[in-house]
């Protein structure tokens, strides 16, 4: 992925998991750039590498500043969804949904697979 695509994703992404992935990618790239900086012989190459490290570090800083806002928005969205579900669904349906939401992913995938296999078309 090139720097321009990463910049766009850092600025516009609302997915906290994607931002964590980008942070890991940036950290790996910064590490690789530091190694290149040590190996570089001429001053122009060193300056270019330092500029790239600076840009990557800035992108990490932007992610660090954005993550708390995204987490807060996700928490409020989850609360609003639960409140809306509670209002719109019958009590037993809501309780059943909460039970499914608390299941481990593997168990839920098994149930979804069973439902798909039993589906009548």
PDB file of N, CA and C in Angstrom:
ATOM      1  N   UNK A   1       0.855  -1.180   0.000  1.00  0.00           N
ATOM      2  CA  UNK A   1       0.000   0.000   0.000  1.00  0.00           C
ATOM      3  C   UNK A   1       0.896   1.237   0.000  1.00  0.00           C
ATOM      4  N   UNK A   2       0.568   2.201  -0.838  1.00  0.00           N
ATOM      5  CA  UNK A   2       1.417   3.392  -0.904  1.00  0.00           C
ATOM      6  C   UNK A   2       1.025   4.423   0.149  1.00  0.00           C
ATOM      7  N   UNK A   3       1.873   5.409   0.315  1.00  0.00           N
ATOM      8  CA  UNK A   3       1.691   6.417   1.360  1.00  0.00           C
ATOM      9  C   UNK A   3       0.392   7.200   1.168  1.00  0.00           C
ATOM     10  N   UNK A   4       0.034   7.535  -0.058  1.00  0.00           N
ATOM     11  CA  UNK A   4      -1.188   8.315  -0.306  1.00  0.00           C
ATOM     12  C   UNK A   4      -2.437   7.544   0.135  1.00  0.00           C
ATOM     13  N   UNK A   5      -2.476   6.251  -0.149  1.00  0.00           N
ATOM     14  CA  UNK A   5      -3.612   5.430   0.284  1.00  0.00           C
ATOM     15  C   UNK A   5      -3.681   5.352   1.805  1.00  0.00           C
ATOM     16  N   UNK A   6      -2.526   5.211   2.426  1.00  0.00           N
ATOM     17  CA  UNK A   6      -2.481   5.146   3.891  1.00  0.00           C
ATOM     18  C   UNK A   6      -2.962   6.469   4.483  1.00  0.00           C
ATOM     19  N   UNK A   7      -2.509   7.600   3.910  1.00  0.00           N
ATOM     20  CA  UNK A   7      -2.957   8.915   4.402  1.00  0.00           C
ATOM     21  C   UNK A   7      -4.474   9.023   4.327  1.00  0.00           C
ATOM     22  N   UNK A   8      -5.036   8.624   3.197  1.00  0.00           N
ATOM     23  CA  UNK A   8      -6.488   8.705   3.013  1.00  0.00           C
ATOM     24  C   UNK A   8      -7.210   7.842   4.042  1.00  0.00           C
ATOM     25  N   UNK A   9      -6.727   6.630   4.252  1.00  0.00           N
ATOM     26  CA  UNK A   9      -7.376   5.746   5.228  1.00  0.00           C
ATOM     27  C   UNK A   9      -7.262   6.290   6.643  1.00  0.00           C
ATOM     28  N   UNK A  10      -6.097   6.829   7.004  1.00  0.00           N
ATOM     29  CA  UNK A  10      -5.907   7.377   8.350  1.00  0.00           C
ATOM     30  C   UNK A  10      -6.882   8.528   8.584  1.00  0.00           C
ATOM     31  N   UNK A  11      -7.060   9.352   7.588  1.00  0.00           N
ATOM     32  CA  UNK A  11      -7.912  10.529   7.753  1.00  0.00           C
ATOM     33  C   UNK A  11      -9.397  10.180   7.752  1.00  0.00           C
ATOM     34  N   UNK A  12      -9.817   9.243   6.890  1.00  0.00           N
ATOM     35  CA  UNK A  12     -11.249   9.009   6.696  1.00  0.00           C
ATOM     36  C   UNK A  12     -11.795   7.729   7.314  1.00  0.00           C
ATOM     37  N   UNK A  13     -10.956   6.814   7.723  1.00  0.00           N
ATOM     38  CA  UNK A  13     -11.460   5.543   8.254  1.00  0.00           C
ATOM     39  C   UNK A  13     -12.168   5.747   9.585  1.00  0.00           C
ATOM     40  N   UNK A  14     -13.300   5.097   9.730  1.00  0.00           N
ATOM     41  CA  UNK A  14     -14.058   5.140  10.984  1.00  0.00           C
ATOM     42  C   UNK A  14     -14.014   3.797  11.697  1.00  0.00           C
ATOM     43  N   UNK A  15     -13.211   2.877  11.179  1.00  0.00           N
ATOM     44  CA  UNK A  15     -13.110   1.532  11.737  1.00  0.00           C
ATOM     45  C   UNK A  15     -11.872   1.445  12.620  1.00  0.00           C
ATOM     46  N   UNK A  16     -12.091   1.271  13.908  1.00  0.00           N
ATOM     47  CA  UNK A  16     -10.967   1.253  14.835  1.00  0.00           C
ATOM     48  C   UNK A  16     -10.047   0.072  14.579  1.00  0.00           C
ATOM     49  N   UNK A  17     -10.578  -1.077  14.173  1.00  0.00           N
ATOM     50  CA  UNK A  17      -9.723  -2.230  13.873  1.00  0.00           C
ATOM     51  C   UNK A  17      -8.806  -1.939  12.690  1.00  0.00           C
ATOM     52  N   UNK A  18      -9.339  -1.269  11.677  1.00  0.00           N
ATOM     53  CA  UNK A  18      -8.506  -0.921  10.521  1.00  0.00           C
ATOM     54  C   UNK A  18      -7.401   0.051  10.928  1.00  0.00           C
ATOM     55  N   UNK A  19      -7.716   0.995  11.802  1.00  0.00           N
ATOM     56  CA  UNK A  19      -6.697   1.927  12.258  1.00  0.00           C
ATOM     57  C   UNK A  19      -5.612   1.213  13.064  1.00  0.00           C
ATOM     58  N   UNK A  20      -5.989   0.191  13.843  1.00  0.00           N
ATOM     59  CA  UNK A  20      -4.980  -0.599  14.544  1.00  0.00           C
ATOM     60  C   UNK A  20      -4.075  -1.321  13.549  1.00  0.00           C
ATOM     61  N   UNK A  21      -4.676  -1.882  12.491  1.00  0.00           N
ATOM     62  CA  UNK A  21      -3.879  -2.553  11.457  1.00  0.00           C
ATOM     63  C   UNK A  21      -2.904  -1.578  10.803  1.00  0.00           C
ATOM     64  N   UNK A  22      -3.378  -0.385  10.508  1.00  0.00           N
ATOM     65  CA  UNK A  22      -2.518   0.622   9.879  1.00  0.00           C
ATOM     66  C   UNK A  22      -1.390   1.015  10.829  1.00  0.00           C
ATOM     67  N   UNK A  23      -1.687   1.112  12.126  1.00  0.00           N
ATOM     68  CA  UNK A  23      -0.648   1.440  13.104  1.00  0.00           C
ATOM     69  C   UNK A  23       0.458   0.398  13.087  1.00  0.00           C
ATOM     70  N   UNK A  24       0.080  -0.870  13.023  1.00  0.00           N
ATOM     71  CA  UNK A  24       1.078  -1.937  12.964  1.00  0.00           C
ATOM     72  C   UNK A  24       1.896  -1.819  11.676  1.00  0.00           C
ATOM     73  N   UNK A  25       1.224  -1.581  10.555  1.00  0.00           N
ATOM     74  CA  UNK A  25       1.936  -1.422   9.286  1.00  0.00           C
ATOM     75  C   UNK A  25       2.911  -0.246   9.340  1.00  0.00           C
ATOM     76  N   UNK A  26       2.463   0.871   9.924  1.00  0.00           N
ATOM     77  CA  UNK A  26       3.327   2.038  10.023  1.00  0.00           C
ATOM     78  C   UNK A  26       4.540   1.756  10.898  1.00  0.00           C
ATOM     79  N   UNK A  27       4.325   1.060  12.004  1.00  0.00           N
ATOM     80  CA  UNK A  27       5.431   0.719  12.900  1.00  0.00           C
ATOM     81  C   UNK A  27       6.454  -0.155  12.188  1.00  0.00           C
ATOM     82  N   UNK A  28       5.978  -1.138  11.438  1.00  0.00           N
ATOM     83  CA  UNK A  28       6.887  -1.997  10.679  1.00  0.00           C
ATOM     84  C   UNK A  28       7.663  -1.192   9.639  1.00  0.00           C
ATOM     85  N   UNK A  29       6.978  -0.298   8.965  1.00  0.00           N
ATOM     86  CA  UNK A  29       7.633   0.509   7.937  1.00  0.00           C
ATOM     87  C   UNK A  29       8.659   1.463   8.547  1.00  0.00           C
ATOM     88  N   UNK A  30       8.321   2.060   9.692  1.00  0.00           N
ATOM     89  CA  UNK A  30       9.276   2.945  10.370  1.00  0.00           C
ATOM     90  C   UNK A  30      10.530   2.165  10.757  1.00  0.00           C
ATOM     91  N   UNK A  31      10.334   0.965  11.254  1.00  0.00           N
ATOM     92  CA  UNK A  31      11.471   0.119  11.618  1.00  0.00           C
ATOM     93  C   UNK A  31      12.349  -0.169  10.397  1.00  0.00           C
ATOM     94  N   UNK A  32      11.717  -0.502   9.288  1.00  0.00           N
ATOM     95  CA  UNK A  32      12.469  -0.780   8.063  1.00  0.00           C
ATOM     96  C   UNK A  32      13.217   0.470   7.584  1.00  0.00           C
ATOM     97  N   UNK A  33      12.581   1.623   7.718  1.00  0.00           N
ATOM     98  CA  UNK A  33      13.226   2.866   7.299  1.00  0.00           C
ATOM     99  C   UNK A  33      14.431   3.200   8.171  1.00  0.00           C
ATOM    100  N   UNK A  34      14.345   2.909   9.461  1.00  0.00           N
ATOM    101  CA  UNK A  34      15.484   3.142  10.355  1.00  0.00           C
ATOM    102  C   UNK A  34      16.680   2.277   9.945  1.00  0.00           C
ATOM    103  N   UNK A  35      16.402   1.056   9.550  1.00  0.00           N
ATOM    104  CA  UNK A  35      17.476   0.170   9.084  1.00  0.00           C
ATOM    105  C   UNK A  35      18.106   0.738   7.813  1.00  0.00           C
ATOM    106  N   UNK A  36      17.269   1.211   6.888  1.00  0.00           N
ATOM    107  CA  UNK A  36      17.793   1.825   5.667  1.00  0.00           C
ATOM    108  C   UNK A  36      18.606   3.081   5.970  1.00  0.00           C
ATOM    109  N   UNK A  37      18.165   3.827   6.969  1.00  0.00           N
ATOM    110  CA  UNK A  37      18.876   5.044   7.354  1.00  0.00           C
ATOM    111  C   UNK A  37      20.284   4.720   7.843  1.00  0.00           C
ATOM    112  N   UNK A  38      20.392   3.672   8.618  1.00  0.00           N
ATOM    113  CA  UNK A  38      21.706   3.264   9.126  1.00  0.00           C
ATOM    114  C   UNK A  38      22.610   2.820   7.979  1.00  0.00           C
ATOM    115  N   UNK A  39      22.040   2.137   7.003  1.00  0.00           N
ATOM    116  CA  UNK A  39      22.829   1.619   5.880  1.00  0.00           C
ATOM    117  C   UNK A  39      23.140   2.689   4.831  1.00  0.00           C
ATOM    118  N   UNK A  40      22.366   3.777   4.799  1.00  0.00           N
ATOM    119  CA  UNK A  40      22.535   4.799   3.760  1.00  0.00           C
ATOM    120  C   UNK A  40      23.877   5.509   3.915  1.00  0.00           C
ATOM    121  N   UNK A  41      24.499   5.778   2.775  1.00  0.00           N
ATOM    122  CA  UNK A  41      25.818   6.391   2.805  1.00  0.00           C
ATOM    123  C   UNK A  41      25.769   7.885   2.491  1.00  0.00           C
ATOM    124  N   UNK A  42      24.982   8.273   1.487  1.00  0.00           N
ATOM    125  CA  UNK A  42      25.030   9.682   1.105  1.00  0.00           C
ATOM    126  C   UNK A  42      23.967  10.500   1.843  1.00  0.00           C
ATOM    127  N   UNK A  43      24.236  11.789   2.047  1.00  0.00           N
ATOM    128  CA  UNK A  43      23.341  12.656   2.827  1.00  0.00           C
ATOM    129  C   UNK A  43      21.956  12.858   2.199  1.00  0.00           C
ATOM    130  N   UNK A  44      21.858  12.835   0.893  1.00  0.00           N
ATOM    131  CA  UNK A  44      20.556  13.049   0.244  1.00  0.00           C
ATOM    132  C   UNK A  44      19.624  11.878   0.538  1.00  0.00           C
ATOM    133  N   UNK A  45      20.145  10.665   0.448  1.00  0.00           N
ATOM    134  CA  UNK A  45      19.339   9.483   0.757  1.00  0.00           C
ATOM    135  C   UNK A  45      18.914   9.502   2.216  1.00  0.00           C
ATOM    136  N   UNK A  46      19.832   9.874   3.100  1.00  0.00           N
ATOM    137  CA  UNK A  46      19.508   9.949   4.531  1.00  0.00           C
ATOM    138  C   UNK A  46      18.394  10.967   4.785  1.00  0.00           C
ATOM    139  N   UNK A  47      18.466  12.108   4.107  1.00  0.00           N
ATOM    140  CA  UNK A  47      17.433  13.136   4.277  1.00  0.00           C
ATOM    141  C   UNK A  47      16.076  12.636   3.786  1.00  0.00           C
ATOM    142  N   UNK A  48      16.056  11.913   2.671  1.00  0.00           N
ATOM    143  CA  UNK A  48      14.800  11.374   2.148  1.00  0.00           C
ATOM    144  C   UNK A  48      14.205  10.340   3.107  1.00  0.00           C
ATOM    145  N   UNK A  49      15.043   9.509   3.669  1.00  0.00           N
ATOM    146  CA  UNK A  49      14.569   8.495   4.617  1.00  0.00           C
ATOM    147  C   UNK A  49      14.042   9.155   5.880  1.00  0.00           C
ATOM    148  N   UNK A  50      14.758  10.178   6.371  1.00  0.00           N
ATOM    149  CA  UNK A  50      14.297  10.893   7.572  1.00  0.00           C
ATOM    150  C   UNK A  50      12.941  11.559   7.323  1.00  0.00           C
ATOM    151  N   UNK A  51      12.753  12.108   6.117  1.00  0.00           N
ATOM    152  CA  UNK A  51      11.471  12.729   5.778  1.00  0.00           C
ATOM    153  C   UNK A  51      10.346  11.688   5.776  1.00  0.00           C
ATOM    154  N   UNK A  52      10.620  10.512   5.246  1.00  0.00           N
ATOM    155  CA  UNK A  52       9.604   9.448   5.225  1.00  0.00           C
ATOM    156  C   UNK A  52       9.289   8.988   6.649  1.00  0.00           C
ATOM    157  N   UNK A  53      10.311   8.845   7.495  1.00  0.00           N
ATOM    158  CA  UNK A  53      10.090   8.461   8.896  1.00  0.00           C
ATOM    159  C   UNK A  53       9.226   9.505   9.594  1.00  0.00           C
ATOM    160  N   UNK A  54       9.503  10.774   9.318  1.00  0.00           N
ATOM    161  CA  UNK A  54       8.723  11.859   9.919  1.00  0.00           C
ATOM    162  C   UNK A  54       7.257  11.782   9.500  1.00  0.00           C
ATOM    163  N   UNK A  55       7.013  11.543   8.227  1.00  0.00           N
ATOM    164  CA  UNK A  55       5.639  11.422   7.725  1.00  0.00           C
ATOM    165  C   UNK A  55       4.918  10.241   8.366  1.00  0.00           C
ATOM    166  N   UNK A  56       5.587   9.102   8.420  1.00  0.00           N
ATOM    167  CA  UNK A  56       4.971   7.905   9.007  1.00  0.00           C
ATOM    168  C   UNK A  56       4.664   8.115  10.489  1.00  0.00           C
ATOM    169  N   UNK A  57       5.581   8.777  11.197  1.00  0.00           N
ATOM    170  CA  UNK A  57       5.367   9.060  12.615  1.00  0.00           C
ATOM    171  C   UNK A  57       4.185  10.014  12.811  1.00  0.00           C
ATOM    172  N   UNK A  58       4.064  10.986  11.912  1.00  0.00           N
ATOM    173  CA  UNK A  58       2.932  11.923  11.967  1.00  0.00           C
ATOM    174  C   UNK A  58       1.614  11.180  11.767  1.00  0.00           C
ATOM    175  N   UNK A  59       1.592  10.252  10.826  1.00  0.00           N
ATOM    176  CA  UNK A  59       0.382   9.461  10.598  1.00  0.00           C
ATOM    177  C   UNK A  59       0.019   8.646  11.837  1.00  0.00           C
ATOM    178  N   UNK A  60       1.022   8.094  12.513  1.00  0.00           N
ATOM    179  CA  UNK A  60       0.753   7.375  13.766  1.00  0.00           C
ATOM    180  C   UNK A  60       0.153   8.310  14.807  1.00  0.00           C
ATOM    181  N   UNK A  61       0.655   9.527  14.885  1.00  0.00           N
ATOM    182  CA  UNK A  61       0.120  10.504  15.826  1.00  0.00           C
ATOM    183  C   UNK A  61      -1.333  10.851  15.532  1.00  0.00           C
ATOM    184  N   UNK A  62      -1.654  10.977  14.257  1.00  0.00           N
ATOM    185  CA  UNK A  62      -3.045  11.261  13.865  1.00  0.00           C
ATOM    186  C   UNK A  62      -3.956  10.112  14.297  1.00  0.00           C
ATOM    187  N   UNK A  63      -3.506   8.886  14.078  1.00  0.00           N
ATOM    188  CA  UNK A  63      -4.298   7.725  14.497  1.00  0.00           C
ATOM    189  C   UNK A  63      -4.506   7.753  16.008  1.00  0.00           C
ATOM    190  N   UNK A  64      -3.451   8.033  16.757  1.00  0.00           N
ATOM    191  CA  UNK A  64      -3.562   8.086  18.219  1.00  0.00           C
ATOM    192  C   UNK A  64      -4.584   9.127  18.676  1.00  0.00           C
ATOM    193  N   UNK A  65      -4.680  10.241  17.947  1.00  0.00           N
ATOM    194  CA  UNK A  65      -5.643  11.280  18.307  1.00  0.00           C
ATOM    195  C   UNK A  65      -7.065  10.925  17.882  1.00  0.00           C
ATOM    196  N   UNK A  66      -7.213  10.165  16.797  1.00  0.00           N
ATOM    197  CA  UNK A  66      -8.545   9.811  16.287  1.00  0.00           C
ATOM    198  C   UNK A  66      -9.191   8.649  17.021  1.00  0.00           C
ATOM    199  N   UNK A  67      -8.389   7.698  17.503  1.00  0.00           N
ATOM    200  CA  UNK A  67      -8.945   6.483  18.104  1.00  0.00           C
ATOM    201  C   UNK A  67      -9.901   6.742  19.271  1.00  0.00           C
ATOM    202  N   UNK A  68      -9.575   7.632  20.216  1.00  0.00           N
ATOM    203  CA  UNK A  68     -10.549   7.854  21.303  1.00  0.00           C
ATOM    204  C   UNK A  68     -11.907   8.347  20.817  1.00  0.00           C
ATOM    205  N   UNK A  69     -11.922   9.216  19.799  1.00  0.00           N
ATOM    206  CA  UNK A  69     -13.192   9.708  19.258  1.00  0.00           C
ATOM    207  C   UNK A  69     -13.987   8.583  18.605  1.00  0.00           C
ATOM    208  N   UNK A  70     -13.306   7.711  17.882  1.00  0.00           N
ATOM    209  CA  UNK A  70     -13.983   6.595  17.218  1.00  0.00           C
ATOM    210  C   UNK A  70     -14.522   5.617  18.252  1.00  0.00           C
ATOM    211  N   UNK A  71     -13.743   5.336  19.289  1.00  0.00           N
ATOM    212  CA  UNK A  71     -14.208   4.440  20.354  1.00  0.00           C
ATOM    213  C   UNK A  71     -15.461   5.000  21.013  1.00  0.00           C
ATOM    214  N   UNK A  72     -15.446   6.292  21.312  1.00  0.00           N
ATOM    215  CA  UNK A  72     -16.594   6.929  21.951  1.00  0.00           C
ATOM    216  C   UNK A  72     -17.827   6.832  21.057  1.00  0.00           C
ATOM    217  N   UNK A  73     -17.657   7.095  19.768  1.00  0.00           N
ATOM    218  CA  UNK A  73     -18.790   7.017  18.834  1.00  0.00           C
ATOM    219  C   UNK A  73     -19.337   5.596  18.763  1.00  0.00           C
ATOM    220  N   UNK A  74     -18.461   4.588  18.762  1.00  0.00           N
ATOM    221  CA  UNK A  74     -18.914   3.194  18.714  1.00  0.00           C
ATOM    222  C   UNK A  74     -19.664   2.810  19.988  1.00  0.00           C
ATOM    223  N   UNK A  75     -19.188   3.288  21.121  1.00  0.00           N
ATOM    224  CA  UNK A  75     -19.866   2.989  22.390  1.00  0.00           C
ATOM    225  C   UNK A  75     -21.277   3.577  22.380  1.00  0.00           C
ATOM    226  N   UNK A  76     -21.404   4.841  21.955  1.00  0.00           N
ATOM    227  CA  UNK A  76     -22.727   5.466  21.899  1.00  0.00           C
ATOM    228  C   UNK A  76     -23.638   4.772  20.904  1.00  0.00           C
ATOM    229  N   UNK A  77     -23.091   4.368  19.756  1.00  0.00           N
ATOM    230  CA  UNK A  77     -23.890   3.666  18.760  1.00  0.00           C
ATOM    231  C   UNK A  77     -24.395   2.342  19.329  1.00  0.00           C
ATOM    232  N   UNK A  78     -23.540   1.604  20.014  1.00  0.00           N
ATOM    233  CA  UNK A  78     -23.961   0.336  20.614  1.00  0.00           C
ATOM    234  C   UNK A  78     -25.046   0.559  21.657  1.00  0.00           C
ATOM    235  N   UNK A  79     -24.905   1.595  22.476  1.00  0.00           N
ATOM    236  CA  UNK A  79     -25.927   1.891  23.488  1.00  0.00           C
ATOM    237  C   UNK A  79     -27.252   2.247  22.838  1.00  0.00           C
ATOM    238  N   UNK A  80     -27.188   3.097  21.802  1.00  0.00           N
ATOM    239  CA  UNK A  80     -28.426   3.499  21.110  1.00  0.00           C
ATOM    240  C   UNK A  80     -29.083   2.304  20.431  1.00  0.00           C
ATOM    241  N   UNK A  81     -28.278   1.417  19.847  1.00  0.00           N
ATOM    242  CA  UNK A  81     -28.828   0.236  19.200  1.00  0.00           C
ATOM    243  C   UNK A  81     -29.535  -0.644  20.227  1.00  0.00           C
ATOM    244  N   UNK A  82     -28.898  -0.863  21.386  1.00  0.00           N
ATOM    245  CA  UNK A  82     -29.528  -1.693  22.417  1.00  0.00           C
ATOM    246  C   UNK A  82     -30.826  -1.064  22.911  1.00  0.00           C
ATOM    247  N   UNK A  83     -30.819   0.251  23.068  1.00  0.00           N
ATOM    248  CA  UNK A  83     -32.038   0.925  23.525  1.00  0.00           C
ATOM    249  C   UNK A  83     -33.142   0.809  22.480  1.00  0.00           C
ATOM    250  N   UNK A  84     -32.802   1.007  21.207  1.00  0.00           N
ATOM    251  CA  UNK A  84     -33.801   0.886  20.142  1.00  0.00           C
ATOM    252  C   UNK A  84     -34.322  -0.547  20.044  1.00  0.00           C
ATOM    253  N   UNK A  85     -33.435  -1.530  20.156  1.00  0.00           N
ATOM    254  CA  UNK A  85     -33.859  -2.935  20.105  1.00  0.00           C
ATOM    255  C   UNK A  85     -34.789  -3.243  21.270  1.00  0.00           C
ATOM    256  N   UNK A  86     -34.479  -2.714  22.422  1.00  0.00           N
ATOM    257  CA  UNK A  86     -35.306  -2.948  23.605  1.00  0.00           C
ATOM    258  C   UNK A  86     -36.702  -2.360  23.402  1.00  0.00           C
ATOM    259  N   UNK A  87     -36.792  -1.202  22.762  1.00  0.00           N
ATOM    260  CA  UNK A  87     -38.087  -0.563  22.527  1.00  0.00           C
ATOM    261  C   UNK A  87     -38.903  -1.277  21.459  1.00  0.00           C
ATOM    262  N   UNK A  88     -38.239  -1.746  20.406  1.00  0.00           N
ATOM    263  CA  UNK A  88     -38.957  -2.270  19.254  1.00  0.00           C
ATOM    264  C   UNK A  88     -39.261  -3.764  19.317  1.00  0.00           C
ATOM    265  N   UNK A  89     -38.465  -4.491  20.068  1.00  0.00           N
ATOM    266  CA  UNK A  89     -38.637  -5.940  20.096  1.00  0.00           C
ATOM    267  C   UNK A  89     -39.374  -6.380  21.352  1.00  0.00           C
ATOM    268  N   UNK A  90     -40.040  -7.491  21.238  1.00  0.00           N
ATOM    269  CA  UNK A  90     -40.669  -8.054  22.420  1.00  0.00           C
ATOM    270  C   UNK A  90     -39.581  -8.455  23.396  1.00  0.00           C
ATOM    271  N   UNK A  91     -39.910  -8.495  24.648  1.00  0.00           N
ATOM    272  CA  UNK A  91     -38.915  -8.757  25.679  1.00  0.00           C
ATOM    273  C   UNK A  91     -38.188 -10.075  25.447  1.00  0.00           C
ATOM    274  N   UNK A  92     -38.898 -11.145  25.110  1.00  0.00           N
ATOM    275  CA  UNK A  92     -38.228 -12.439  24.925  1.00  0.00           C
ATOM    276  C   UNK A  92     -37.291 -12.421  23.720  1.00  0.00           C
ATOM    277  N   UNK A  93     -37.668 -11.701  22.656  1.00  0.00           N
ATOM    278  CA  UNK A  93     -36.804 -11.602  21.481  1.00  0.00           C
ATOM    279  C   UNK A  93     -35.542 -10.827  21.828  1.00  0.00           C
ATOM    280  N   UNK A  94     -35.701  -9.740  22.572  1.00  0.00           N
ATOM    281  CA  UNK A  94     -34.546  -8.939  22.987  1.00  0.00           C
ATOM    282  C   UNK A  94     -33.597  -9.767  23.853  1.00  0.00           C
ATOM    283  N   UNK A  95     -34.147 -10.505  24.802  1.00  0.00           N
ATOM    284  CA  UNK A  95     -33.312 -11.344  25.668  1.00  0.00           C
ATOM    285  C   UNK A  95     -32.588 -12.415  24.858  1.00  0.00           C
ATOM    286  N   UNK A  96     -33.267 -12.979  23.881  1.00  0.00           N
ATOM    287  CA  UNK A  96     -32.644 -13.992  23.014  1.00  0.00           C
ATOM    288  C   UNK A  96     -31.505 -13.382  22.196  1.00  0.00           C
ATOM    289  N   UNK A  97     -31.710 -12.166  21.678  1.00  0.00           N
ATOM    290  CA  UNK A  97     -30.650 -11.469  20.943  1.00  0.00           C
ATOM    291  C   UNK A  97     -29.437 -11.220  21.839  1.00  0.00           C
ATOM    292  N   UNK A  98     -29.672 -10.813  23.062  1.00  0.00           N
ATOM    293  CA  UNK A  98     -28.561 -10.584  24.000  1.00  0.00           C
ATOM    294  C   UNK A  98     -27.816 -11.879  24.271  1.00  0.00           C
ATOM    295  N   UNK A  99     -28.557 -12.981  24.358  1.00  0.00           N
ATOM    296  CA  UNK A  99     -27.929 -14.283  24.577  1.00  0.00           C
ATOM    297  C   UNK A  99     -27.020 -14.635  23.394  1.00  0.00           C
ATOM    298  N   UNK A 100     -27.522 -14.424  22.176  1.00  0.00           N
ATOM    299  CA  UNK A 100     -26.705 -14.701  20.987  1.00  0.00           C
ATOM    300  C   UNK A 100     -25.499 -13.762  20.915  1.00  0.00           C
ATOM    301  N   UNK A 101     -25.696 -12.509  21.270  1.00  0.00           N
ATOM    302  CA  UNK A 101     -24.597 -11.538  21.199  1.00  0.00           C
ATOM    303  C   UNK A 101     -23.462 -11.897  22.156  1.00  0.00           C
ATOM    304  N   UNK A 102     -23.766 -12.577  23.226  1.00  0.00           N
ATOM    305  CA  UNK A 102     -22.754 -12.951  24.192  1.00  0.00           C
ATOM    306  C   UNK A 102     -22.070 -14.272  23.906  1.00  0.00           C
ATOM    307  N   UNK A 103     -22.504 -14.948  22.840  1.00  0.00           N
ATOM    308  CA  UNK A 103     -21.926 -16.259  22.501  1.00  0.00           C
ATOM    309  C   UNK A 103     -20.518 -16.109  21.942  1.00  0.00           C
ATOM    310  N   UNK A 104     -19.699 -17.123  22.138  1.00  0.00           N
ATOM    311  CA  UNK A 104     -18.399 -17.123  21.457  1.00  0.00           C
ATOM    312  C   UNK A 104     -18.605 -17.203  19.942  1.00  0.00           C
ATOM    313  N   UNK A 105     -17.692 -16.644  19.193  1.00  0.00           N
ATOM    314  CA  UNK A 105     -17.821 -16.575  17.736  1.00  0.00           C
ATOM    315  C   UNK A 105     -17.938 -17.957  17.110  1.00  0.00           C
ATOM    316  N   UNK A 106     -17.180 -18.911  17.609  1.00  0.00           N
ATOM    317  CA  UNK A 106     -17.204 -20.267  17.037  1.00  0.00           C
ATOM    318  C   UNK A 106     -18.599 -20.885  17.171  1.00  0.00           C
ATOM    319  N   UNK A 107     -19.202 -20.708  18.338  1.00  0.00           N
ATOM    320  CA  UNK A 107     -20.539 -21.270  18.575  1.00  0.00           C
ATOM    321  C   UNK A 107     -21.573 -20.598  17.667  1.00  0.00           C
ATOM    322  N   UNK A 108     -21.449 -19.269  17.509  1.00  0.00           N
ATOM    323  CA  UNK A 108     -22.395 -18.552  16.663  1.00  0.00           C
ATOM    324  C   UNK A 108     -22.252 -18.988  15.206  1.00  0.00           C
ATOM    325  N   UNK A 109     -21.018 -19.199  14.741  1.00  0.00           N
ATOM    326  CA  UNK A 109     -20.800 -19.657  13.373  1.00  0.00           C
ATOM    327  C   UNK A 109     -21.440 -21.025  13.139  1.00  0.00           C
ATOM    328  N   UNK A 110     -21.381 -21.912  14.149  1.00  0.00           N
ATOM    329  CA  UNK A 110     -22.011 -23.223  14.021  1.00  0.00           C
ATOM    330  C   UNK A 110     -23.521 -23.089  13.869  1.00  0.00           C
ATOM    331  N   UNK A 111     -24.116 -22.224  14.664  1.00  0.00           N
ATOM    332  CA  UNK A 111     -25.561 -22.024  14.590  1.00  0.00           C
ATOM    333  C   UNK A 111     -25.944 -21.432  13.233  1.00  0.00           C
ATOM    334  N   UNK A 112     -25.163 -20.439  12.760  1.00  0.00           N
ATOM    335  CA  UNK A 112     -25.446 -19.845  11.448  1.00  0.00           C
ATOM    336  C   UNK A 112     -25.330 -20.885  10.341  1.00  0.00           C
ATOM    337  N   UNK A 113     -24.332 -21.757  10.428  1.00  0.00           N
ATOM    338  CA  UNK A 113     -24.155 -22.811   9.431  1.00  0.00           C
ATOM    339  C   UNK A 113     -25.336 -23.779   9.466  1.00  0.00           C
ATOM    340  N   UNK A 114     -25.795 -24.141  10.682  1.00  0.00           N
ATOM    341  CA  UNK A 114     -26.945 -25.036  10.805  1.00  0.00           C
ATOM    342  C   UNK A 114     -28.186 -24.394  10.195  1.00  0.00           C
ATOM    343  N   UNK A 115     -28.385 -23.119  10.478  1.00  0.00           N
ATOM    344  CA  UNK A 115     -29.549 -22.403   9.924  1.00  0.00           C
ATOM    345  C   UNK A 115     -29.468 -22.331   8.397  1.00  0.00           C
ATOM    346  N   UNK A 116     -28.286 -22.130   7.873  1.00  0.00           N
ATOM    347  CA  UNK A 116     -28.113 -22.085   6.422  1.00  0.00           C
ATOM    348  C   UNK A 116     -28.375 -23.444   5.803  1.00  0.00           C
ATOM    349  N   UNK A 117     -27.888 -24.510   6.450  1.00  0.00           N
ATOM    350  CA  UNK A 117     -28.101 -25.868   5.943  1.00  0.00           C
ATOM    351  C   UNK A 117     -29.577 -26.274   6.002  1.00  0.00           C
ATOM    352  N   UNK A 118     -30.304 -25.783   7.008  1.00  0.00           N
ATOM    353  CA  UNK A 118     -31.714 -26.147   7.191  1.00  0.00           C
ATOM    354  C   UNK A 118     -32.666 -25.240   6.421  1.00  0.00           C
ATOM    355  N   UNK A 119     -32.130 -24.211   5.757  1.00  0.00           N
ATOM    356  CA  UNK A 119     -32.964 -23.242   5.065  1.00  0.00           C
ATOM    357  C   UNK A 119     -33.663 -23.876   3.873  1.00  0.00           C
ATOM    358  N   UNK A 120     -34.945 -23.587   3.742  1.00  0.00           N
ATOM    359  CA  UNK A 120     -35.739 -24.097   2.617  1.00  0.00           C
ATOM    360  C   UNK A 120     -35.830 -22.996   1.588  1.00  0.00           C
ATOM    361  N   UNK A 121     -35.475 -23.331   0.351  1.00  0.00           N
ATOM    362  CA  UNK A 121     -35.499 -22.302  -0.702  1.00  0.00           C
ATOM    363  C   UNK A 121     -36.717 -22.442  -1.574  1.00  0.00           C
TER     364      UNK A 121
END
